[in-house]
Amino acid sequence: YGLTSQLKRASASIASNIAEGFGRSSTKVNKHFWIIADGSCYEVKNQLIIAKDLQFITKLEYKVLLHKANSTYKLLYGLLRPHNV
């Protein structure tokens, strides 16, 4: 499936796009990169579901990783909320 590489890529994309958003000078461009990071966060959550369903990870591992993904999403939402996204 290539699930491991997809999960690594999506996870790295979240952090990279948040950083790139902070590195830009306009709010519109900041928001663009943060929206991409938001999409990658959803991608990670979906890949965790697939990993659990295929029994690549246990239900407990899924629960722990999903909690971390949700915490990341909440932090990202905090960046996006002031911009009405």
PDB file of N, CA and C in Angstrom:
ATOM      1  N   TYR A   1       0.804  -1.214   0.000  1.00  0.00           N
ATOM      2  CA  TYR A   1       0.000   0.000   0.000  1.00  0.00           C
ATOM      3  C   TYR A   1       0.840   1.269   0.000  1.00  0.00           C
ATOM      4  N   GLY A   2       2.058   1.216   0.517  1.00  0.00           N
ATOM      5  CA  GLY A   2       2.854   2.430   0.638  1.00  0.00           C
ATOM      6  C   GLY A   2       2.322   3.341   1.728  1.00  0.00           C
ATOM      7  N   LEU A   3       1.567   2.756   2.651  1.00  0.00           N
ATOM      8  CA  LEU A   3       0.902   3.544   3.685  1.00  0.00           C
ATOM      9  C   LEU A   3       1.897   4.261   4.585  1.00  0.00           C
ATOM     10  N   THR A   4       2.984   3.598   4.908  1.00  0.00           N
ATOM     11  CA  THR A   4       3.985   4.210   5.784  1.00  0.00           C
ATOM     12  C   THR A   4       4.557   5.475   5.161  1.00  0.00           C
ATOM     13  N   SER A   5       4.924   5.396   3.891  1.00  0.00           N
ATOM     14  CA  SER A   5       5.494   6.579   3.241  1.00  0.00           C
ATOM     15  C   SER A   5       4.452   7.681   3.086  1.00  0.00           C
ATOM     16  N   GLN A   6       3.199   7.320   2.818  1.00  0.00           N
ATOM     17  CA  GLN A   6       2.137   8.324   2.712  1.00  0.00           C
ATOM     18  C   GLN A   6       1.918   9.022   4.046  1.00  0.00           C
ATOM     19  N   LEU A   7       1.930   8.239   5.115  1.00  0.00           N
ATOM     20  CA  LEU A   7       1.719   8.794   6.452  1.00  0.00           C
ATOM     21  C   LEU A   7       2.869   9.727   6.838  1.00  0.00           C
ATOM     22  N   LYS A   8       4.086   9.334   6.540  1.00  0.00           N
ATOM     23  CA  LYS A   8       5.245  10.192   6.823  1.00  0.00           C
ATOM     24  C   LYS A   8       5.180  11.483   6.016  1.00  0.00           C
ATOM     25  N   ARG A   9       4.831  11.368   4.728  1.00  0.00           N
ATOM     26  CA  ARG A   9       4.755  12.541   3.864  1.00  0.00           C
ATOM     27  C   ARG A   9       3.678  13.504   4.346  1.00  0.00           C
ATOM     28  N   ALA A  10       2.490  12.976   4.679  1.00  0.00           N
ATOM     29  CA  ALA A  10       1.397  13.838   5.133  1.00  0.00           C
ATOM     30  C   ALA A  10       1.740  14.502   6.464  1.00  0.00           C
ATOM     31  N   SER A  11       2.372  13.755   7.363  1.00  0.00           N
ATOM     32  CA  SER A  11       2.764  14.318   8.659  1.00  0.00           C
ATOM     33  C   SER A  11       3.778  15.444   8.483  1.00  0.00           C
ATOM     34  N   ALA A  12       4.769  15.213   7.637  1.00  0.00           N
ATOM     35  CA  ALA A  12       5.774  16.247   7.378  1.00  0.00           C
ATOM     36  C   ALA A  12       5.150  17.458   6.699  1.00  0.00           C
ATOM     37  N   SER A  13       4.154  17.218   5.860  1.00  0.00           N
ATOM     38  CA  SER A  13       3.476  18.304   5.149  1.00  0.00           C
ATOM     39  C   SER A  13       2.775  19.253   6.118  1.00  0.00           C
ATOM     40  N   ILE A  14       2.215  18.706   7.188  1.00  0.00           N
ATOM     41  CA  ILE A  14       1.530  19.549   8.174  1.00  0.00           C
ATOM     42  C   ILE A  14       2.520  20.571   8.738  1.00  0.00           C
ATOM     43  N   ALA A  15       3.620  20.070   9.284  1.00  0.00           N
ATOM     44  CA  ALA A  15       4.612  20.959   9.901  1.00  0.00           C
ATOM     45  C   ALA A  15       5.233  21.912   8.883  1.00  0.00           C
ATOM     46  N   SER A  16       5.536  21.400   7.700  1.00  0.00           N
ATOM     47  CA  SER A  16       6.179  22.235   6.675  1.00  0.00           C
ATOM     48  C   SER A  16       5.278  23.370   6.219  1.00  0.00           C
ATOM     49  N   ASN A  17       4.000  23.080   6.024  1.00  0.00           N
ATOM     50  CA  ASN A  17       3.081  24.120   5.556  1.00  0.00           C
ATOM     51  C   ASN A  17       2.762  25.142   6.644  1.00  0.00           C
ATOM     52  N   ILE A  18       2.716  24.708   7.895  1.00  0.00           N
ATOM     53  CA  ILE A  18       2.542  25.676   8.982  1.00  0.00           C
ATOM     54  C   ILE A  18       3.747  26.624   9.006  1.00  0.00           C
ATOM     55  N   ALA A  19       4.942  26.053   8.933  1.00  0.00           N
ATOM     56  CA  ALA A  19       6.160  26.877   8.942  1.00  0.00           C
ATOM     57  C   ALA A  19       6.198  27.815   7.743  1.00  0.00           C
ATOM     58  N   GLU A  20       5.860  27.296   6.567  1.00  0.00           N
ATOM     59  CA  GLU A  20       5.888  28.145   5.379  1.00  0.00           C
ATOM     60  C   GLU A  20       4.852  29.257   5.479  1.00  0.00           C
ATOM     61  N   GLY A  21       3.699  28.952   6.061  1.00  0.00           N
ATOM     62  CA  GLY A  21       2.681  29.983   6.260  1.00  0.00           C
ATOM     63  C   GLY A  21       3.184  31.110   7.143  1.00  0.00           C
ATOM     64  N   PHE A  22       3.895  30.759   8.215  1.00  0.00           N
ATOM     65  CA  PHE A  22       4.452  31.788   9.095  1.00  0.00           C
ATOM     66  C   PHE A  22       5.535  32.597   8.399  1.00  0.00           C
ATOM     67  N   GLY A  23       6.191  31.994   7.414  1.00  0.00           N
ATOM     68  CA  GLY A  23       7.269  32.677   6.723  1.00  0.00           C
ATOM     69  C   GLY A  23       6.808  33.639   5.644  1.00  0.00           C
ATOM     70  N   ARG A  24       5.524  33.693   5.395  1.00  0.00           N
ATOM     71  CA  ARG A  24       4.998  34.581   4.353  1.00  0.00           C
ATOM     72  C   ARG A  24       4.524  35.889   4.956  1.00  0.00           C
ATOM     73  N   SER A  25       4.479  36.917   4.120  1.00  0.00           N
ATOM     74  CA  SER A  25       4.204  38.257   4.644  1.00  0.00           C
ATOM     75  C   SER A  25       2.737  38.670   4.605  1.00  0.00           C
ATOM     76  N   SER A  26       1.908  37.967   3.857  1.00  0.00           N
ATOM     77  CA  SER A  26       0.509  38.395   3.796  1.00  0.00           C
ATOM     78  C   SER A  26      -0.406  37.364   4.447  1.00  0.00           C
ATOM     79  N   THR A  27      -1.469  37.849   5.042  1.00  0.00           N
ATOM     80  CA  THR A  27      -2.436  36.982   5.707  1.00  0.00           C
ATOM     81  C   THR A  27      -3.056  36.004   4.728  1.00  0.00           C
ATOM     82  N   LYS A  28      -3.340  36.466   3.519  1.00  0.00           N
ATOM     83  CA  LYS A  28      -3.953  35.596   2.515  1.00  0.00           C
ATOM     84  C   LYS A  28      -3.042  34.403   2.201  1.00  0.00           C
ATOM     85  N   VAL A  29      -1.759  34.654   2.069  1.00  0.00           N
ATOM     86  CA  VAL A  29      -0.811  33.583   1.759  1.00  0.00           C
ATOM     87  C   VAL A  29      -0.592  32.696   2.985  1.00  0.00           C
ATOM     88  N   ASN A  30      -0.533  33.302   4.177  1.00  0.00           N
ATOM     89  CA  ASN A  30      -0.437  32.505   5.413  1.00  0.00           C
ATOM     90  C   ASN A  30      -1.559  31.477   5.432  1.00  0.00           C
ATOM     91  N   LYS A  31      -2.762  31.986   5.228  1.00  0.00           N
ATOM     92  CA  LYS A  31      -3.968  31.159   5.291  1.00  0.00           C
ATOM     93  C   LYS A  31      -3.917  30.030   4.262  1.00  0.00           C
ATOM     94  N   HIS A  32      -3.415  30.314   3.072  1.00  0.00           N
ATOM     95  CA  HIS A  32      -3.319  29.303   2.013  1.00  0.00           C
ATOM     96  C   HIS A  32      -2.505  28.095   2.491  1.00  0.00           C
ATOM     97  N   PHE A  33      -1.341  28.346   3.084  1.00  0.00           N
ATOM     98  CA  PHE A  33      -0.493  27.248   3.537  1.00  0.00           C
ATOM     99  C   PHE A  33      -1.108  26.525   4.731  1.00  0.00           C
ATOM    100  N   TRP A  34      -1.789  27.262   5.597  1.00  0.00           N
ATOM    101  CA  TRP A  34      -2.424  26.618   6.745  1.00  0.00           C
ATOM    102  C   TRP A  34      -3.596  25.748   6.314  1.00  0.00           C
ATOM    103  N   ILE A  35      -4.282  26.125   5.259  1.00  0.00           N
ATOM    104  CA  ILE A  35      -5.368  25.293   4.728  1.00  0.00           C
ATOM    105  C   ILE A  35      -4.794  24.002   4.139  1.00  0.00           C
ATOM    106  N   ILE A  36      -3.649  24.098   3.484  1.00  0.00           N
ATOM    107  CA  ILE A  36      -2.993  22.885   2.976  1.00  0.00           C
ATOM    108  C   ILE A  36      -2.610  21.975   4.145  1.00  0.00           C
ATOM    109  N   ALA A  37      -2.083  22.555   5.217  1.00  0.00           N
ATOM    110  CA  ALA A  37      -1.730  21.776   6.410  1.00  0.00           C
ATOM    111  C   ALA A  37      -2.967  21.106   6.998  1.00  0.00           C
ATOM    112  N   ASP A  38      -4.092  21.807   6.980  1.00  0.00           N
ATOM    113  CA  ASP A  38      -5.356  21.257   7.471  1.00  0.00           C
ATOM    114  C   ASP A  38      -5.745  20.018   6.657  1.00  0.00           C
ATOM    115  N   GLY A  39      -5.625  20.104   5.353  1.00  0.00           N
ATOM    116  CA  GLY A  39      -5.933  18.958   4.499  1.00  0.00           C
ATOM    117  C   GLY A  39      -5.021  17.783   4.788  1.00  0.00           C
ATOM    118  N   SER A  40      -3.754  18.058   5.029  1.00  0.00           N
ATOM    119  CA  SER A  40      -2.804  16.993   5.353  1.00  0.00           C
ATOM    120  C   SER A  40      -3.137  16.351   6.693  1.00  0.00           C
ATOM    121  N   CYS A  41      -3.655  17.131   7.616  1.00  0.00           N
ATOM    122  CA  CYS A  41      -4.064  16.591   8.916  1.00  0.00           C
ATOM    123  C   CYS A  41      -5.206  15.585   8.729  1.00  0.00           C
ATOM    124  N   TYR A  42      -6.163  15.931   7.894  1.00  0.00           N
ATOM    125  CA  TYR A  42      -7.251  14.996   7.593  1.00  0.00           C
ATOM    126  C   TYR A  42      -6.718  13.752   6.891  1.00  0.00           C
ATOM    127  N   GLU A  43      -5.733  13.931   6.041  1.00  0.00           N
ATOM    128  CA  GLU A  43      -5.116  12.803   5.349  1.00  0.00           C
ATOM    129  C   GLU A  43      -4.467  11.851   6.356  1.00  0.00           C
ATOM    130  N   VAL A  44      -3.761  12.393   7.338  1.00  0.00           N
ATOM    131  CA  VAL A  44      -3.144  11.566   8.379  1.00  0.00           C
ATOM    132  C   VAL A  44      -4.213  10.788   9.132  1.00  0.00           C
ATOM    133  N   LYS A  45      -5.294  11.463   9.501  1.00  0.00           N
ATOM    134  CA  LYS A  45      -6.355  10.780  10.249  1.00  0.00           C
ATOM    135  C   LYS A  45      -6.961   9.643   9.421  1.00  0.00           C
ATOM    136  N   ASN A  46      -7.146   9.863   8.141  1.00  0.00           N
ATOM    137  CA  ASN A  46      -7.679   8.821   7.271  1.00  0.00           C
ATOM    138  C   ASN A  46      -6.707   7.647   7.157  1.00  0.00           C
ATOM    139  N   GLN A  47      -5.428   7.938   7.039  1.00  0.00           N
ATOM    140  CA  GLN A  47      -4.429   6.879   6.934  1.00  0.00           C
ATOM    141  C   GLN A  47      -4.330   6.070   8.222  1.00  0.00           C
ATOM    142  N   LEU A  48      -4.575   6.707   9.351  1.00  0.00           N
ATOM    143  CA  LEU A  48      -4.601   5.971  10.618  1.00  0.00           C
ATOM    144  C   LEU A  48      -5.770   4.998  10.653  1.00  0.00           C
ATOM    145  N   ILE A  49      -6.910   5.411  10.129  1.00  0.00           N
ATOM    146  CA  ILE A  49      -8.071   4.517  10.056  1.00  0.00           C
ATOM    147  C   ILE A  49      -7.731   3.304   9.191  1.00  0.00           C
ATOM    148  N   ILE A  50      -7.122   3.554   8.050  1.00  0.00           N
ATOM    149  CA  ILE A  50      -6.742   2.459   7.150  1.00  0.00           C
ATOM    150  C   ILE A  50      -5.753   1.522   7.843  1.00  0.00           C
ATOM    151  N   ALA A  51      -4.752   2.085   8.510  1.00  0.00           N
ATOM    152  CA  ALA A  51      -3.755   1.271   9.210  1.00  0.00           C
ATOM    153  C   ALA A  51      -4.408   0.401  10.279  1.00  0.00           C
ATOM    154  N   LYS A  52      -5.387   0.963  10.987  1.00  0.00           N
ATOM    155  CA  LYS A  52      -6.104   0.186  12.008  1.00  0.00           C
ATOM    156  C   LYS A  52      -6.939  -0.910  11.360  1.00  0.00           C
ATOM    157  N   ASP A  53      -7.679  -0.549  10.315  1.00  0.00           N
ATOM    158  CA  ASP A  53      -8.552  -1.520   9.653  1.00  0.00           C
ATOM    159  C   ASP A  53      -7.765  -2.676   9.034  1.00  0.00           C
ATOM    160  N   LEU A  54      -6.571  -2.392   8.541  1.00  0.00           N
ATOM    161  CA  LEU A  54      -5.714  -3.441   7.971  1.00  0.00           C
ATOM    162  C   LEU A  54      -4.877  -4.141   9.039  1.00  0.00           C
ATOM    163  N   GLN A  55      -5.067  -3.743  10.286  1.00  0.00           N
ATOM    164  CA  GLN A  55      -4.382  -4.305  11.450  1.00  0.00           C
ATOM    165  C   GLN A  55      -2.862  -4.113  11.389  1.00  0.00           C
ATOM    166  N   PHE A  56      -2.450  -2.975  10.815  1.00  0.00           N
ATOM    167  CA  PHE A  56      -1.044  -2.601  10.856  1.00  0.00           C
ATOM    168  C   PHE A  56      -0.707  -1.988  12.209  1.00  0.00           C
ATOM    169  N   ILE A  57      -1.717  -1.425  12.865  1.00  0.00           N
ATOM    170  CA  ILE A  57      -1.569  -0.886  14.216  1.00  0.00           C
ATOM    171  C   ILE A  57      -2.710  -1.425  15.066  1.00  0.00           C
ATOM    172  N   THR A  58      -2.478  -1.479  16.371  1.00  0.00           N
ATOM    173  CA  THR A  58      -3.519  -1.959  17.279  1.00  0.00           C
ATOM    174  C   THR A  58      -4.552  -0.863  17.519  1.00  0.00           C
ATOM    175  N   LYS A  59      -5.665  -1.246  18.111  1.00  0.00           N
ATOM    176  CA  LYS A  59      -6.690  -0.253  18.439  1.00  0.00           C
ATOM    177  C   LYS A  59      -6.157   0.768  19.441  1.00  0.00           C
ATOM    178  N   LEU A  60      -5.333   0.312  20.368  1.00  0.00           N
ATOM    179  CA  LEU A  60      -4.748   1.234  21.343  1.00  0.00           C
ATOM    180  C   LEU A  60      -3.788   2.212  20.656  1.00  0.00           C
ATOM    181  N   GLU A  61      -2.948   1.710  19.768  1.00  0.00           N
ATOM    182  CA  GLU A  61      -2.044   2.597  19.025  1.00  0.00           C
ATOM    183  C   GLU A  61      -2.842   3.602  18.199  1.00  0.00           C
ATOM    184  N   TYR A  62      -3.912   3.120  17.583  1.00  0.00           N
ATOM    185  CA  TYR A  62      -4.778   4.007  16.801  1.00  0.00           C
ATOM    186  C   TYR A  62      -5.338   5.117  17.679  1.00  0.00           C
ATOM    187  N   LYS A  63      -5.822   4.737  18.854  1.00  0.00           N
ATOM    188  CA  LYS A  63      -6.421   5.718  19.757  1.00  0.00           C
ATOM    189  C   LYS A  63      -5.397   6.784  20.165  1.00  0.00           C
ATOM    190  N   VAL A  64      -4.194   6.360  20.504  1.00  0.00           N
ATOM    191  CA  VAL A  64      -3.137   7.293  20.912  1.00  0.00           C
ATOM    192  C   VAL A  64      -2.754   8.215  19.752  1.00  0.00           C
ATOM    193  N   LEU A  65      -2.556   7.636  18.573  1.00  0.00           N
ATOM    194  CA  LEU A  65      -2.155   8.430  17.409  1.00  0.00           C
ATOM    195  C   LEU A  65      -3.265   9.367  16.953  1.00  0.00           C
ATOM    196  N   LEU A  66      -4.510   8.910  17.022  1.00  0.00           N
ATOM    197  CA  LEU A  66      -5.630   9.772  16.647  1.00  0.00           C
ATOM    198  C   LEU A  66      -5.742  10.948  17.612  1.00  0.00           C
ATOM    199  N   HIS A  67      -5.501  10.704  18.892  1.00  0.00           N
ATOM    200  CA  HIS A  67      -5.520  11.790  19.873  1.00  0.00           C
ATOM    201  C   HIS A  67      -4.458  12.840  19.517  1.00  0.00           C
ATOM    202  N   LYS A  68      -3.270  12.389  19.136  1.00  0.00           N
ATOM    203  CA  LYS A  68      -2.210  13.324  18.737  1.00  0.00           C
ATOM    204  C   LYS A  68      -2.596  14.093  17.478  1.00  0.00           C
ATOM    205  N   ALA A  69      -3.203  13.397  16.516  1.00  0.00           N
ATOM    206  CA  ALA A  69      -3.641  14.063  15.282  1.00  0.00           C
ATOM    207  C   ALA A  69      -4.725  15.088  15.585  1.00  0.00           C
ATOM    208  N   ASN A  70      -5.652  14.742  16.474  1.00  0.00           N
ATOM    209  CA  ASN A  70      -6.712  15.685  16.846  1.00  0.00           C
ATOM    210  C   ASN A  70      -6.148  16.890  17.593  1.00  0.00           C
ATOM    211  N   SER A  71      -5.150  16.667  18.433  1.00  0.00           N
ATOM    212  CA  SER A  71      -4.503  17.786  19.135  1.00  0.00           C
ATOM    213  C   SER A  71      -3.823  18.718  18.138  1.00  0.00           C
ATOM    214  N   THR A  72      -3.173  18.143  17.144  1.00  0.00           N
ATOM    215  CA  THR A  72      -2.539  18.944  16.088  1.00  0.00           C
ATOM    216  C   THR A  72      -3.587  19.743  15.339  1.00  0.00           C
ATOM    217  N   TYR A  73      -4.710  19.091  15.019  1.00  0.00           N
ATOM    218  CA  TYR A  73      -5.790  19.772  14.301  1.00  0.00           C
ATOM    219  C   TYR A  73      -6.312  20.962  15.110  1.00  0.00           C
ATOM    220  N   LYS A  74      -6.477  20.773  16.413  1.00  0.00           N
ATOM    221  CA  LYS A  74      -6.981  21.865  17.257  1.00  0.00           C
ATOM    222  C   LYS A  74      -6.020  23.054  17.253  1.00  0.00           C
ATOM    223  N   LEU A  75      -4.727  22.785  17.302  1.00  0.00           N
ATOM    224  CA  LEU A  75      -3.737  23.867  17.238  1.00  0.00           C
ATOM    225  C   LEU A  75      -3.807  24.578  15.888  1.00  0.00           C
ATOM    226  N   LEU A  76      -3.945  23.810  14.834  1.00  0.00           N
ATOM    227  CA  LEU A  76      -4.050  24.379  13.492  1.00  0.00           C
ATOM    228  C   LEU A  76      -5.329  25.192  13.341  1.00  0.00           C
ATOM    229  N   TYR A  77      -6.415  24.687  13.894  1.00  0.00           N
ATOM    230  CA  TYR A  77      -7.684  25.417  13.855  1.00  0.00           C
ATOM    231  C   TYR A  77      -7.535  26.765  14.556  1.00  0.00           C
ATOM    232  N   GLY A  78      -6.729  26.801  15.611  1.00  0.00           N
ATOM    233  CA  GLY A  78      -6.472  28.060  16.303  1.00  0.00           C
ATOM    234  C   GLY A  78      -5.792  29.090  15.408  1.00  0.00           C
ATOM    235  N   LEU A  79      -4.991  28.624  14.455  1.00  0.00           N
ATOM    236  CA  LEU A  79      -4.379  29.541  13.487  1.00  0.00           C
ATOM    237  C   LEU A  79      -5.407  30.030  12.467  1.00  0.00           C
ATOM    238  N   LEU A  80      -6.284  29.127  12.054  1.00  0.00           N
ATOM    239  CA  LEU A  80      -7.229  29.441  10.985  1.00  0.00           C
ATOM    240  C   LEU A  80      -8.448  30.227  11.459  1.00  0.00           C
ATOM    241  N   ARG A  81      -8.903  29.977  12.663  1.00  0.00           N
ATOM    242  CA  ARG A  81     -10.139  30.581  13.167  1.00  0.00           C
ATOM    243  C   ARG A  81     -10.170  32.109  13.065  1.00  0.00           C
ATOM    244  N   PRO A  82      -9.108  32.818  13.438  1.00  0.00           N
ATOM    245  CA  PRO A  82      -9.166  34.286  13.326  1.00  0.00           C
ATOM    246  C   PRO A  82      -9.326  34.783  11.886  1.00  0.00           C
ATOM    247  N   HIS A  83      -9.061  33.899  10.927  1.00  0.00           N
ATOM    248  CA  HIS A  83      -9.154  34.286   9.517  1.00  0.00           C
ATOM    249  C   HIS A  83     -10.456  33.815   8.881  1.00  0.00           C
ATOM    250  N   ASN A  84     -11.401  33.373   9.714  1.00  0.00           N
ATOM    251  CA  ASN A  84     -12.721  32.928   9.257  1.00  0.00           C
ATOM    252  C   ASN A  84     -12.653  31.808   8.228  1.00  0.00           C
ATOM    253  N   VAL A  85     -11.826  30.819   8.487  1.00  0.00           N
ATOM    254  CA  VAL A  85     -11.723  29.671   7.576  1.00  0.00           C
ATOM    255  C   VAL A  85     -12.500  28.529   8.152  1.00  0.00           C
TER     256      VAL A  85
END
